[in-house]
Amino acid sequence: MKYLLICLATISLQNTVFAQQEPAVTKIFVVRHAEKESGKDPVLTPAGNTRAGDLMRVLQNEGVQKIYVSQYKRTQQTADSMRIQLKINTVQYLADTLCDNLLNAIMENADFGKTILIIAHSNTIPQIIRKFGVTDYPYGDIPDNEFDDLFVITYKKEKAKLKKMKYGAKSGASAGMQ
């Protein structure tokens, strides 16, 4: 939370210093990786590859400037359609349940005030949402068979606002969690 406050203060300071320019707007899209095979570091299933394409089509006109993926193949492959088709840079972060590594990566890349996409995991998404200021988001993992949620975090007067949408085909069964 302290990282978020520092980042928001930095954005506010930028807005004060550059009063003649448009204020920076932070928009954060958060999704769980698409459907995956089973195993230690599995790849996407055919349905997962389709969902990755669906994600690209849904976000292609949203102005995403950077994509954040964990060290796992499933998050990287979920980003591939957007990365390749829209030529968006990808930053890899080390997934951790506190989400500190993700927040540090975003700060190191100076991506607050920009539109970014985070592709994460069922056990990290709730914490990510809370870290970005939606403090009333419930605890607990995303259900194992849910892959179609698209979370959008925006800020109005430095207060985080969350919108939850669906994208692609309705989620079905998949192998294991995360």
Protein backbone atom coordinates (compact mmCIF):
# COMPACT_ATOMS: atom_id res chain seq x y z
CA MET A 1 0.00 0.00 0.00
CA LYS A 2 2.86 2.38 0.79
CA TYR A 3 4.23 1.76 -2.72
CA LEU A 4 0.89 2.72 -4.21
CA LEU A 5 0.71 5.93 -2.20
CA ILE A 6 4.24 6.87 -3.25
CA CYS A 7 3.37 6.21 -6.89
CA LEU A 8 0.13 8.17 -6.71
CA ALA A 9 1.97 11.04 -5.01
CA THR A 10 4.53 10.96 -7.82
CA ILE A 11 1.76 11.10 -10.41
CA SER A 12 0.16 14.02 -8.58
CA LEU A 13 3.50 15.82 -8.44
CA GLN A 14 4.00 15.23 -12.16
CA ASN A 15 0.57 16.72 -12.79
CA THR A 16 1.46 19.81 -10.72
CA VAL A 17 4.86 20.31 -12.36
CA PHE A 18 3.50 19.82 -15.86
CA ALA A 19 0.25 21.72 -15.36
CA GLN A 20 0.15 22.68 -19.04
CA GLN A 21 0.07 19.01 -20.10
CA GLU A 22 -2.72 16.48 -19.84
CA PRO A 23 -2.68 14.78 -16.42
CA ALA A 24 -1.36 11.23 -16.42
CA VAL A 25 -4.12 8.63 -16.40
CA THR A 26 -3.36 5.26 -14.92
CA LYS A 27 -5.46 2.41 -16.29
CA ILE A 28 -4.55 -1.11 -15.26
CA PHE A 29 -6.04 -4.20 -16.90
CA VAL A 30 -5.60 -7.41 -14.91
CA VAL A 31 -6.38 -10.88 -16.22
CA ARG A 32 -5.61 -14.40 -15.22
CA HIS A 33 -3.58 -16.36 -17.75
CA ALA A 34 -5.66 -18.32 -20.26
CA GLU A 35 -6.55 -22.03 -19.98
CA LYS A 36 -3.49 -24.25 -19.51
CA GLU A 37 -2.37 -27.84 -19.79
CA SER A 38 -1.32 -29.72 -16.63
CA GLY A 39 2.24 -29.90 -15.32
CA LYS A 40 4.85 -27.82 -13.54
CA ASP A 41 5.14 -24.97 -16.09
CA PRO A 42 2.41 -25.81 -18.61
CA VAL A 43 1.65 -24.21 -21.94
CA LEU A 44 -1.78 -23.03 -23.02
CA THR A 45 -4.43 -25.42 -24.31
CA PRO A 46 -6.06 -24.74 -27.70
CA ALA A 47 -8.88 -23.00 -25.79
CA GLY A 48 -6.23 -20.94 -23.99
CA ASN A 49 -4.66 -19.88 -27.28
CA THR A 50 -8.09 -18.83 -28.52
CA ARG A 51 -8.65 -16.83 -25.32
CA ALA A 52 -5.26 -15.10 -25.77
CA GLY A 53 -6.47 -13.95 -29.20
CA ASP A 54 -9.77 -12.83 -27.66
CA LEU A 55 -7.83 -10.74 -25.13
CA MET A 56 -5.90 -9.05 -27.91
CA ARG A 57 -9.11 -8.24 -29.79
CA VAL A 58 -10.79 -6.83 -26.67
CA LEU A 59 -7.82 -4.63 -25.68
CA GLN A 60 -6.39 -3.72 -29.09
CA ASN A 61 -7.89 -0.22 -29.04
CA GLU A 62 -7.37 0.49 -25.33
CA GLY A 63 -3.91 2.01 -25.68
CA VAL A 64 -2.04 -0.61 -23.65
CA GLN A 65 1.57 0.57 -23.47
CA LYS A 66 3.21 -2.30 -21.57
CA ILE A 67 2.38 -5.88 -20.62
CA TYR A 68 3.55 -7.45 -17.36
CA VAL A 69 3.84 -11.26 -17.24
CA SER A 70 5.21 -13.64 -14.62
CA GLN A 71 8.04 -16.08 -15.21
CA TYR A 72 5.59 -18.82 -16.22
CA LYS A 73 4.95 -19.83 -19.83
CA ARG A 74 1.17 -19.60 -19.45
CA THR A 75 1.25 -15.86 -18.70
CA GLN A 76 3.77 -15.18 -21.46
CA GLN A 77 1.73 -17.13 -24.01
CA THR A 78 -1.45 -15.31 -22.95
CA ALA A 79 0.37 -12.06 -23.81
CA ASP A 80 1.84 -13.28 -27.11
CA SER A 81 -1.02 -12.19 -29.39
CA MET A 82 -0.92 -8.63 -28.07
CA ARG A 83 2.86 -8.51 -27.89
CA ILE A 84 3.32 -9.67 -31.48
CA GLN A 85 0.30 -8.16 -33.25
CA LEU A 86 0.35 -4.80 -31.48
CA LYS A 87 4.12 -4.63 -30.90
CA ILE A 88 3.83 -3.97 -27.16
CA ASN A 89 6.83 -4.43 -24.89
CA THR A 90 6.59 -7.11 -22.24
CA VAL A 91 8.18 -7.00 -18.79
CA GLN A 92 8.67 -10.23 -16.87
CA TYR A 93 8.28 -10.15 -13.08
CA LEU A 94 8.83 -12.86 -10.49
CA ALA A 95 5.38 -13.91 -9.23
CA ASP A 96 4.99 -13.68 -5.46
CA THR A 97 1.88 -13.78 -3.31
CA LEU A 98 2.59 -10.32 -1.86
CA CYS A 99 2.96 -8.90 -5.39
CA ASP A 100 5.91 -6.75 -4.34
CA ASN A 101 8.01 -7.88 -7.32
CA LEU A 102 5.29 -6.75 -9.73
CA LEU A 103 4.92 -3.36 -8.06
CA ASN A 104 8.70 -2.87 -8.06
CA ALA A 105 8.89 -3.76 -11.77
CA ILE A 106 6.17 -1.23 -12.60
CA MET A 107 7.97 1.47 -10.60
CA GLU A 108 11.36 0.61 -12.16
CA ASN A 109 9.83 0.97 -15.63
CA ALA A 110 8.06 4.22 -14.70
CA ASP A 111 4.73 2.82 -15.88
CA PHE A 112 2.43 4.47 -13.36
CA GLY A 113 0.35 7.01 -15.23
CA LYS A 114 0.16 4.68 -18.24
CA THR A 115 -2.21 2.02 -19.51
CA ILE A 116 -0.79 -1.40 -18.71
CA LEU A 117 -1.91 -5.03 -18.78
CA ILE A 118 -0.95 -7.46 -16.03
CA ILE A 119 -1.33 -11.17 -16.73
CA ALA A 120 -1.26 -12.98 -13.42
CA HIS A 121 -2.50 -16.05 -11.54
CA SER A 122 -5.58 -17.13 -9.61
CA ASN A 123 -3.77 -16.76 -6.28
CA THR A 124 -2.19 -13.35 -7.01
CA ILE A 125 -4.96 -11.36 -8.73
CA PRO A 126 -6.89 -10.52 -5.53
CA GLN A 127 -3.70 -9.22 -3.90
CA ILE A 128 -2.75 -7.25 -7.02
CA ILE A 129 -6.15 -5.56 -7.02
CA ARG A 130 -5.82 -4.66 -3.33
CA LYS A 131 -2.20 -3.44 -3.81
CA PHE A 132 -3.44 -1.00 -6.42
CA GLY A 133 -5.84 0.57 -3.93
CA VAL A 134 -9.08 -1.42 -4.18
CA THR A 135 -8.87 -2.28 -0.49
CA ASP A 136 -12.37 -3.76 -0.22
CA TYR A 137 -11.72 -6.47 -2.84
CA PRO A 138 -12.37 -9.87 -1.19
CA TYR A 139 -9.59 -12.21 -0.12
CA GLY A 140 -9.30 -15.69 -1.62
CA ASP A 141 -8.16 -17.13 -4.91
CA ILE A 142 -9.96 -16.86 -8.23
CA PRO A 143 -11.76 -20.21 -8.83
CA ASP A 144 -9.66 -22.80 -10.68
CA ASN A 145 -11.97 -22.93 -13.69
CA GLU A 146 -12.36 -19.14 -14.20
CA PHE A 147 -10.34 -17.61 -17.01
CA ASP A 148 -12.72 -15.03 -18.50
CA ASP A 149 -12.50 -12.19 -15.95
CA LEU A 150 -11.07 -8.86 -17.04
CA PHE A 151 -10.47 -6.43 -14.19
CA VAL A 152 -9.97 -2.73 -14.92
CA ILE A 153 -8.52 -0.42 -12.27
CA THR A 154 -8.73 3.32 -12.86
CA TYR A 155 -8.15 6.27 -10.58
CA LYS A 156 -10.36 9.29 -10.01
CA LYS A 157 -9.03 11.93 -7.64
CA GLU A 158 -6.39 9.40 -6.52
CA LYS A 159 -9.06 6.87 -5.51
CA ALA A 160 -8.96 3.45 -7.13
CA LYS A 161 -12.07 2.25 -8.93
CA LEU A 162 -12.54 -1.38 -10.04
CA LYS A 163 -14.66 -2.63 -12.91
CA LYS A 164 -15.02 -6.37 -13.55
CA MET A 165 -15.92 -7.56 -17.03
CA LYS A 166 -15.91 -10.82 -18.98
CA TYR A 167 -14.11 -11.53 -22.24
CA GLY A 168 -13.90 -14.42 -24.68
CA ALA A 169 -15.82 -17.66 -24.31
CA LYS A 170 -17.38 -18.52 -20.98
CA SER A 171 -14.84 -20.35 -18.81
CA GLY A 172 -14.88 -24.14 -18.70
CA ALA A 173 -12.86 -26.78 -16.87
CA SER A 174 -9.05 -26.71 -16.91
CA ALA A 175 -6.19 -28.56 -15.31
CA GLY A 176 -5.24 -27.48 -11.79
CA MET A 177 -4.87 -24.09 -10.19
CA GLN A 178 -2.73 -21.02 -10.87
